[in-house]
Each structure stands twice: as C-alpha cells, then as structure tokens.
Amino acid sequence: MGKPLMIQLEDDSRIEKLKEKTGAKTKIEVVRSALALLEADVLRLERIKRWEKAAKIVGKSGREILKDFRTPHRFKNLP
C-alpha cells in the first residue's frame, strides 16, 4: 500500500502544470519522472567527484609520464 504524502497547494499546481505540459497521465508519473531526473543528477555529481579524486591521484604521475613522450620533433612530419 502507498504511503501518504502531504503536498502543498503551490506544489500541487506546479505538478498539474507539468502534467499538462509533459502529457503525463497522472500526477505520480510527473513525480516519478522528476525523481528519476534528480537521481540521474546526483549520480552525475558523484561520478564527477570520483573523476576529480582520480585525477588528483594520477595527476602528478600522469604529467611525469607525458614528459617521457615529449620530443622536440614530434610535430615535424605532420601534413
């Protein structure tokens, strides 16, 4: 059985407007799609934080490795 949820009048009117604009059949469909978007945004932010952490870990060693591949003539033979 579902859990009761108290929605403010302003939120209810926003949900109704979104329901009309998106073509959703029910209010809960609007709420579920909003939750899905919010979850996707949270996952994206978590992924970015993991990338930043990984970049900090390998950043210095990555620069050292790139120095090994730098040569003064590497662009000489390009068309």
PDB file of N, CA and C in Angstrom:
ATOM      1  N   MET A   1       0.845  -1.178   0.000  1.00  0.00           N
ATOM      2  CA  MET A   1       0.000   0.000   0.000  1.00  0.00           C
ATOM      3  C   MET A   1       0.889   1.240   0.000  1.00  0.00           C
ATOM      4  N   GLY A   2       0.440   2.277  -0.649  1.00  0.00           N
ATOM      5  CA  GLY A   2       1.205   3.508  -0.753  1.00  0.00           C
ATOM      6  C   GLY A   2       1.287   4.249   0.564  1.00  0.00           C
ATOM      7  N   LYS A   3       2.231   5.151   0.624  1.00  0.00           N
ATOM      8  CA  LYS A   3       2.409   5.983   1.812  1.00  0.00           C
ATOM      9  C   LYS A   3       1.810   7.350   1.532  1.00  0.00           C
ATOM     10  N   PRO A   4       1.085   7.905   2.508  1.00  0.00           N
ATOM     11  CA  PRO A   4       0.505   9.233   2.280  1.00  0.00           C
ATOM     12  C   PRO A   4       1.596  10.295   2.185  1.00  0.00           C
ATOM     13  N   LEU A   5       1.367  11.264   1.321  1.00  0.00           N
ATOM     14  CA  LEU A   5       2.336  12.328   1.106  1.00  0.00           C
ATOM     15  C   LEU A   5       1.585  13.655   1.108  1.00  0.00           C
ATOM     16  N   MET A   6       2.016  14.551   1.956  1.00  0.00           N
ATOM     17  CA  MET A   6       1.368  15.853   2.034  1.00  0.00           C
ATOM     18  C   MET A   6       2.042  16.797   1.038  1.00  0.00           C
ATOM     19  N   ILE A   7       1.257  17.307   0.111  1.00  0.00           N
ATOM     20  CA  ILE A   7       1.766  18.214  -0.905  1.00  0.00           C
ATOM     21  C   ILE A   7       1.117  19.579  -0.693  1.00  0.00           C
ATOM     22  N   GLN A   8       1.943  20.604  -0.712  1.00  0.00           N
ATOM     23  CA  GLN A   8       1.443  21.967  -0.563  1.00  0.00           C
ATOM     24  C   GLN A   8       0.637  22.358  -1.807  1.00  0.00           C
ATOM     25  N   LEU A   9      -0.242  23.324  -1.667  1.00  0.00           N
ATOM     26  CA  LEU A   9      -1.081  23.753  -2.787  1.00  0.00           C
ATOM     27  C   LEU A   9      -0.246  24.268  -3.958  1.00  0.00           C
ATOM     28  N   GLU A  10       0.819  25.001  -3.655  1.00  0.00           N
ATOM     29  CA  GLU A  10       1.677  25.528  -4.723  1.00  0.00           C
ATOM     30  C   GLU A  10       2.345  24.383  -5.494  1.00  0.00           C
ATOM     31  N   ASP A  11       2.798  23.378  -4.748  1.00  0.00           N
ATOM     32  CA  ASP A  11       3.432  22.228  -5.395  1.00  0.00           C
ATOM     33  C   ASP A  11       2.427  21.457  -6.241  1.00  0.00           C
ATOM     34  N   ASP A  12       1.202  21.344  -5.740  1.00  0.00           N
ATOM     35  CA  ASP A  12       0.169  20.637  -6.480  1.00  0.00           C
ATOM     36  C   ASP A  12      -0.122  21.330  -7.806  1.00  0.00           C
ATOM     37  N   SER A  13      -0.173  22.650  -7.782  1.00  0.00           N
ATOM     38  CA  SER A  13      -0.426  23.367  -9.043  1.00  0.00           C
ATOM     39  C   SER A  13       0.761  23.238  -9.995  1.00  0.00           C
ATOM     40  N   ARG A  14       1.975  23.218  -9.461  1.00  0.00           N
ATOM     41  CA  ARG A  14       3.163  23.006 -10.310  1.00  0.00           C
ATOM     42  C   ARG A  14       3.133  21.629 -10.950  1.00  0.00           C
ATOM     43  N   ILE A  15       2.731  20.634 -10.172  1.00  0.00           N
ATOM     44  CA  ILE A  15       2.634  19.268 -10.696  1.00  0.00           C
ATOM     45  C   ILE A  15       1.573  19.197 -11.786  1.00  0.00           C
ATOM     46  N   GLU A  16       0.455  19.844 -11.573  1.00  0.00           N
ATOM     47  CA  GLU A  16      -0.614  19.858 -12.579  1.00  0.00           C
ATOM     48  C   GLU A  16      -0.146  20.512 -13.877  1.00  0.00           C
ATOM     49  N   LYS A  17       0.571  21.637 -13.762  1.00  0.00           N
ATOM     50  CA  LYS A  17       1.081  22.311 -14.961  1.00  0.00           C
ATOM     51  C   LYS A  17       2.068  21.417 -15.703  1.00  0.00           C
ATOM     52  N   LEU A  18       2.948  20.761 -14.947  1.00  0.00           N
ATOM     53  CA  LEU A  18       3.914  19.862 -15.580  1.00  0.00           C
ATOM     54  C   LEU A  18       3.219  18.649 -16.200  1.00  0.00           C
ATOM     55  N   LYS A  19       2.183  18.193 -15.560  1.00  0.00           N
ATOM     56  CA  LYS A  19       1.411  17.072 -16.093  1.00  0.00           C
ATOM     57  C   LYS A  19       0.841  17.425 -17.453  1.00  0.00           C
ATOM     58  N   GLU A  20       0.289  18.625 -17.576  1.00  0.00           N
ATOM     59  CA  GLU A  20      -0.271  19.075 -18.853  1.00  0.00           C
ATOM     60  C   GLU A  20       0.823  19.254 -19.907  1.00  0.00           C
ATOM     61  N   LYS A  21       1.920  19.892 -19.502  1.00  0.00           N
ATOM     62  CA  LYS A  21       2.991  20.185 -20.464  1.00  0.00           C
ATOM     63  C   LYS A  21       3.704  18.936 -20.946  1.00  0.00           C
ATOM     64  N   THR A  22       3.855  17.940 -20.072  1.00  0.00           N
ATOM     65  CA  THR A  22       4.591  16.731 -20.453  1.00  0.00           C
ATOM     66  C   THR A  22       3.700  15.642 -21.026  1.00  0.00           C
ATOM     67  N   GLY A  23       2.403  15.806 -20.862  1.00  0.00           N
ATOM     68  CA  GLY A  23       1.492  14.777 -21.357  1.00  0.00           C
ATOM     69  C   GLY A  23       1.412  13.575 -20.436  1.00  0.00           C
ATOM     70  N   ALA A  24       1.848  13.739 -19.199  1.00  0.00           N
ATOM     71  CA  ALA A  24       1.772  12.645 -18.228  1.00  0.00           C
ATOM     72  C   ALA A  24       0.305  12.359 -17.910  1.00  0.00           C
ATOM     73  N   LYS A  25       0.023  11.095 -17.638  1.00  0.00           N
ATOM     74  CA  LYS A  25      -1.352  10.708 -17.369  1.00  0.00           C
ATOM     75  C   LYS A  25      -1.757  10.969 -15.919  1.00  0.00           C
ATOM     76  N   THR A  26      -0.786  10.872 -15.017  1.00  0.00           N
ATOM     77  CA  THR A  26      -1.097  11.041 -13.598  1.00  0.00           C
ATOM     78  C   THR A  26      -0.072  11.952 -12.945  1.00  0.00           C
ATOM     79  N   LYS A  27      -0.439  12.432 -11.776  1.00  0.00           N
ATOM     80  CA  LYS A  27       0.481  13.267 -11.006  1.00  0.00           C
ATOM     81  C   LYS A  27       1.690  12.458 -10.560  1.00  0.00           C
ATOM     82  N   ILE A  28       1.464  11.215 -10.198  1.00  0.00           N
ATOM     83  CA  ILE A  28       2.578  10.384  -9.726  1.00  0.00           C
ATOM     84  C   ILE A  28       3.580  10.127 -10.847  1.00  0.00           C
ATOM     85  N   GLU A  29       3.104  10.111 -12.079  1.00  0.00           N
ATOM     86  CA  GLU A  29       4.019   9.960 -13.215  1.00  0.00           C
ATOM     87  C   GLU A  29       4.960  11.164 -13.300  1.00  0.00           C
ATOM     88  N   VAL A  30       4.428  12.352 -13.026  1.00  0.00           N
ATOM     89  CA  VAL A  30       5.243  13.566 -13.010  1.00  0.00           C
ATOM     90  C   VAL A  30       6.269  13.479 -11.884  1.00  0.00           C
ATOM     91  N   VAL A  31       5.820  13.076 -10.710  1.00  0.00           N
ATOM     92  CA  VAL A  31       6.713  12.985  -9.558  1.00  0.00           C
ATOM     93  C   VAL A  31       7.792  11.932  -9.796  1.00  0.00           C
ATOM     94  N   ARG A  32       7.421  10.792 -10.353  1.00  0.00           N
ATOM     95  CA  ARG A  32       8.407   9.729 -10.619  1.00  0.00           C
ATOM     96  C   ARG A  32       9.444  10.173 -11.647  1.00  0.00           C
ATOM     97  N   SER A  33       8.993  10.879 -12.687  1.00  0.00           N
ATOM     98  CA  SER A  33       9.963  11.342 -13.687  1.00  0.00           C
ATOM     99  C   SER A  33      10.889  12.403 -13.083  1.00  0.00           C
ATOM    100  N   ALA A  34      10.354  13.229 -12.189  1.00  0.00           N
ATOM    101  CA  ALA A  34      11.199  14.216 -11.510  1.00  0.00           C
ATOM    102  C   ALA A  34      12.218  13.524 -10.607  1.00  0.00           C
ATOM    103  N   LEU A  35      11.791  12.477  -9.927  1.00  0.00           N
ATOM    104  CA  LEU A  35      12.717  11.717  -9.088  1.00  0.00           C
ATOM    105  C   LEU A  35      13.805  11.059  -9.930  1.00  0.00           C
ATOM    106  N   ALA A  36      13.434  10.535 -11.083  1.00  0.00           N
ATOM    107  CA  ALA A  36      14.423   9.904 -11.967  1.00  0.00           C
ATOM    108  C   ALA A  36      15.461  10.929 -12.424  1.00  0.00           C
ATOM    109  N   LEU A  37      15.002  12.136 -12.776  1.00  0.00           N
ATOM    110  CA  LEU A  37      15.943  13.184 -13.179  1.00  0.00           C
ATOM    111  C   LEU A  37      16.848  13.598 -12.027  1.00  0.00           C
ATOM    112  N   LEU A  38      16.275  13.703 -10.842  1.00  0.00           N
ATOM    113  CA  LEU A  38      17.067  14.072  -9.666  1.00  0.00           C
ATOM    114  C   LEU A  38      18.108  13.000  -9.352  1.00  0.00           C
ATOM    115  N   GLU A  39      17.706  11.731  -9.437  1.00  0.00           N
ATOM    116  CA  GLU A  39      18.653  10.637  -9.205  1.00  0.00           C
ATOM    117  C   GLU A  39      19.777  10.661 -10.233  1.00  0.00           C
ATOM    118  N   ALA A  40      19.445  10.912 -11.494  1.00  0.00           N
ATOM    119  CA  ALA A  40      20.470  10.976 -12.539  1.00  0.00           C
ATOM    120  C   ALA A  40      21.441  12.118 -12.274  1.00  0.00           C
ATOM    121  N   ASP A  41      20.936  13.246 -11.805  1.00  0.00           N
ATOM    122  CA  ASP A  41      21.786  14.382 -11.492  1.00  0.00           C
ATOM    123  C   ASP A  41      22.715  14.068 -10.325  1.00  0.00           C
ATOM    124  N   VAL A  42      22.190  13.406  -9.303  1.00  0.00           N
ATOM    125  CA  VAL A  42      23.009  13.023  -8.149  1.00  0.00           C
ATOM    126  C   VAL A  42      24.097  12.037  -8.576  1.00  0.00           C
ATOM    127  N   LEU A  43      23.733  11.061  -9.406  1.00  0.00           N
ATOM    128  CA  LEU A  43      24.734  10.100  -9.893  1.00  0.00           C
ATOM    129  C   LEU A  43      25.822  10.797 -10.710  1.00  0.00           C
ATOM    130  N   ARG A  44      25.423  11.783 -11.525  1.00  0.00           N
ATOM    131  CA  ARG A  44      26.398  12.528 -12.324  1.00  0.00           C
ATOM    132  C   ARG A  44      27.361  13.293 -11.424  1.00  0.00           C
ATOM    133  N   LEU A  45      26.829  13.934 -10.378  1.00  0.00           N
ATOM    134  CA  LEU A  45      27.687  14.672  -9.452  1.00  0.00           C
ATOM    135  C   LEU A  45      28.632  13.737  -8.699  1.00  0.00           C
ATOM    136  N   GLU A  46      28.139  12.564  -8.309  1.00  0.00           N
ATOM    137  CA  GLU A  46      29.004  11.584  -7.643  1.00  0.00           C
ATOM    138  C   GLU A  46      30.105  11.107  -8.576  1.00  0.00           C
ATOM    139  N   ARG A  47      29.747  10.888  -9.853  1.00  0.00           N
ATOM    140  CA  ARG A  47      30.747  10.443 -10.842  1.00  0.00           C
ATOM    141  C   ARG A  47      31.806  11.516 -11.040  1.00  0.00           C
ATOM    142  N   ILE A  48      31.393  12.770 -11.084  1.00  0.00           N
ATOM    143  CA  ILE A  48      32.347  13.876 -11.241  1.00  0.00           C
ATOM    144  C   ILE A  48      33.295  13.932 -10.054  1.00  0.00           C
ATOM    145  N   LYS A  49      32.756  13.733  -8.852  1.00  0.00           N
ATOM    146  CA  LYS A  49      33.617  13.734  -7.665  1.00  0.00           C
ATOM    147  C   LYS A  49      34.631  12.596  -7.725  1.00  0.00           C
ATOM    148  N   ARG A  50      34.206  11.422  -8.203  1.00  0.00           N
ATOM    149  CA  ARG A  50      35.145  10.293  -8.335  1.00  0.00           C
ATOM    150  C   ARG A  50      36.217  10.617  -9.369  1.00  0.00           C
ATOM    151  N   TRP A  51      35.826  11.248 -10.482  1.00  0.00           N
ATOM    152  CA  TRP A  51      36.806  11.633 -11.506  1.00  0.00           C
ATOM    153  C   TRP A  51      37.802  12.634 -10.955  1.00  0.00           C
ATOM    154  N   GLU A  52      37.302  13.610 -10.195  1.00  0.00           N
ATOM    155  CA  GLU A  52      38.205  14.610  -9.616  1.00  0.00           C
ATOM    156  C   GLU A  52      39.194  13.945  -8.662  1.00  0.00           C
ATOM    157  N   LYS A  53      38.709  13.013  -7.872  1.00  0.00           N
ATOM    158  CA  LYS A  53      39.585  12.315  -6.933  1.00  0.00           C
ATOM    159  C   LYS A  53      40.640  11.502  -7.688  1.00  0.00           C
ATOM    160  N   ALA A  54      40.200  10.806  -8.731  1.00  0.00           N
ATOM    161  CA  ALA A  54      41.134  10.011  -9.526  1.00  0.00           C
ATOM    162  C   ALA A  54      42.148  10.910 -10.232  1.00  0.00           C
ATOM    163  N   ALA A  55      41.683  12.047 -10.730  1.00  0.00           N
ATOM    164  CA  ALA A  55      42.590  12.967 -11.423  1.00  0.00           C
ATOM    165  C   ALA A  55      43.648  13.505 -10.470  1.00  0.00           C
ATOM    166  N   LYS A  56      43.263  13.768  -9.229  1.00  0.00           N
ATOM    167  CA  LYS A  56      44.241  14.243  -8.248  1.00  0.00           C
ATOM    168  C   LYS A  56      45.264  13.157  -7.932  1.00  0.00           C
ATOM    169  N   ILE A  57      44.806  11.913  -7.885  1.00  0.00           N
ATOM    170  CA  ILE A  57      45.713  10.810  -7.550  1.00  0.00           C
ATOM    171  C   ILE A  57      46.739  10.598  -8.657  1.00  0.00           C
ATOM    172  N   VAL A  58      46.265  10.589  -9.905  1.00  0.00           N
ATOM    173  CA  VAL A  58      47.177  10.282 -11.012  1.00  0.00           C
ATOM    174  C   VAL A  58      47.740  11.527 -11.688  1.00  0.00           C
ATOM    175  N   GLY A  59      47.315  12.685 -11.268  1.00  0.00           N
ATOM    176  CA  GLY A  59      47.726  13.920 -11.925  1.00  0.00           C
ATOM    177  C   GLY A  59      49.221  14.100 -12.029  1.00  0.00           C
ATOM    178  N   LYS A  60      49.913  13.997 -10.923  1.00  0.00           N
ATOM    179  CA  LYS A  60      51.358  14.226 -10.947  1.00  0.00           C
ATOM    180  C   LYS A  60      52.083  13.136 -11.709  1.00  0.00           C
ATOM    181  N   SER A  61      51.688  11.888 -11.498  1.00  0.00           N
ATOM    182  CA  SER A  61      52.368  10.809 -12.214  1.00  0.00           C
ATOM    183  C   SER A  61      52.042  10.886 -13.702  1.00  0.00           C
ATOM    184  N   GLY A  62      50.836  11.333 -14.052  1.00  0.00           N
ATOM    185  CA  GLY A  62      50.474  11.482 -15.459  1.00  0.00           C
ATOM    186  C   GLY A  62      51.333  12.516 -16.150  1.00  0.00           C
ATOM    187  N   ARG A  63      51.625  13.613 -15.456  1.00  0.00           N
ATOM    188  CA  ARG A  63      52.499  14.637 -16.030  1.00  0.00           C
ATOM    189  C   ARG A  63      53.907  14.094 -16.245  1.00  0.00           C
ATOM    190  N   GLU A  64      54.386  13.304 -15.309  1.00  0.00           N
ATOM    191  CA  GLU A  64      55.721  12.712 -15.445  1.00  0.00           C
ATOM    192  C   GLU A  64      55.775  11.785 -16.656  1.00  0.00           C
ATOM    193  N   ILE A  65      54.734  10.998 -16.860  1.00  0.00           N
ATOM    194  CA  ILE A  65      54.702  10.073 -18.000  1.00  0.00           C
ATOM    195  C   ILE A  65      54.636  10.865 -19.310  1.00  0.00           C
ATOM    196  N   LEU A  66      53.853  11.935 -19.339  1.00  0.00           N
ATOM    197  CA  LEU A  66      53.757  12.741 -20.558  1.00  0.00           C
ATOM    198  C   LEU A  66      55.095  13.357 -20.939  1.00  0.00           C
ATOM    199  N   LYS A  67      55.904  13.687 -19.962  1.00  0.00           N
ATOM    200  CA  LYS A  67      57.228  14.237 -20.253  1.00  0.00           C
ATOM    201  C   LYS A  67      58.075  13.239 -21.033  1.00  0.00           C
ATOM    202  N   ASP A  68      57.892  11.951 -20.751  1.00  0.00           N
ATOM    203  CA  ASP A  68      58.647  10.925 -21.469  1.00  0.00           C
ATOM    204  C   ASP A  68      58.290  10.879 -22.951  1.00  0.00           C
ATOM    205  N   PHE A  69      57.047  11.243 -23.301  1.00  0.00           N
ATOM    206  CA  PHE A  69      56.611  11.170 -24.684  1.00  0.00           C
ATOM    207  C   PHE A  69      56.864  12.456 -25.456  1.00  0.00           C
ATOM    208  N   ARG A  70      57.270  13.495 -24.805  1.00  0.00           N
ATOM    209  CA  ARG A  70      57.532  14.758 -25.486  1.00  0.00           C
ATOM    210  C   ARG A  70      58.903  14.716 -26.156  1.00  0.00           C
ATOM    211  N   THR A  71      58.892  15.027 -27.427  1.00  0.00           N
ATOM    212  CA  THR A  71      60.144  15.141 -28.162  1.00  0.00           C
ATOM    213  C   THR A  71      60.091  16.441 -28.954  1.00  0.00           C
ATOM    214  N   PRO A  72      61.212  17.042 -29.218  1.00  0.00           N
ATOM    215  CA  PRO A  72      61.196  18.321 -29.942  1.00  0.00           C
ATOM    216  C   PRO A  72      60.722  18.198 -31.385  1.00  0.00           C
ATOM    217  N   HIS A  73      60.749  17.009 -31.960  1.00  0.00           N
ATOM    218  CA  HIS A  73      60.422  16.852 -33.371  1.00  0.00           C
ATOM    219  C   HIS A  73      59.108  16.102 -33.603  1.00  0.00           C
ATOM    220  N   ARG A  74      58.266  15.992 -32.633  1.00  0.00           N
ATOM    221  CA  ARG A  74      57.094  15.148 -32.811  1.00  0.00           C
ATOM    222  C   ARG A  74      56.077  15.707 -33.788  1.00  0.00           C
ATOM    223  N   PHE A  75      56.050  17.008 -34.043  1.00  0.00           N
ATOM    224  CA  PHE A  75      55.094  17.581 -34.988  1.00  0.00           C
ATOM    225  C   PHE A  75      55.721  17.870 -36.357  1.00  0.00           C
ATOM    226  N   LYS A  76      56.968  17.513 -36.507  1.00  0.00           N
ATOM    227  CA  LYS A  76      57.710  17.860 -37.713  1.00  0.00           C
ATOM    228  C   LYS A  76      57.131  17.167 -38.961  1.00  0.00           C
ATOM    229  N   ASN A  77      56.696  15.932 -38.859  1.00  0.00           N
ATOM    230  CA  ASN A  77      56.269  15.150 -40.022  1.00  0.00           C
ATOM    231  C   ASN A  77      54.770  15.204 -40.272  1.00  0.00           C
ATOM    232  N   LEU A  78      54.052  16.049 -39.585  1.00  0.00           N
ATOM    233  CA  LEU A  78      52.605  16.150 -39.788  1.00  0.00           C
ATOM    234  C   LEU A  78      52.328  16.931 -41.067  1.00  0.00           C
ATOM    235  N   PRO A  79      51.269  16.552 -41.805  1.00  0.00           N
ATOM    236  CA  PRO A  79      50.952  17.260 -43.075  1.00  0.00           C
ATOM    237  C   PRO A  79      50.428  18.648 -42.825  1.00  0.00           C
TER     238      PRO A  79
END
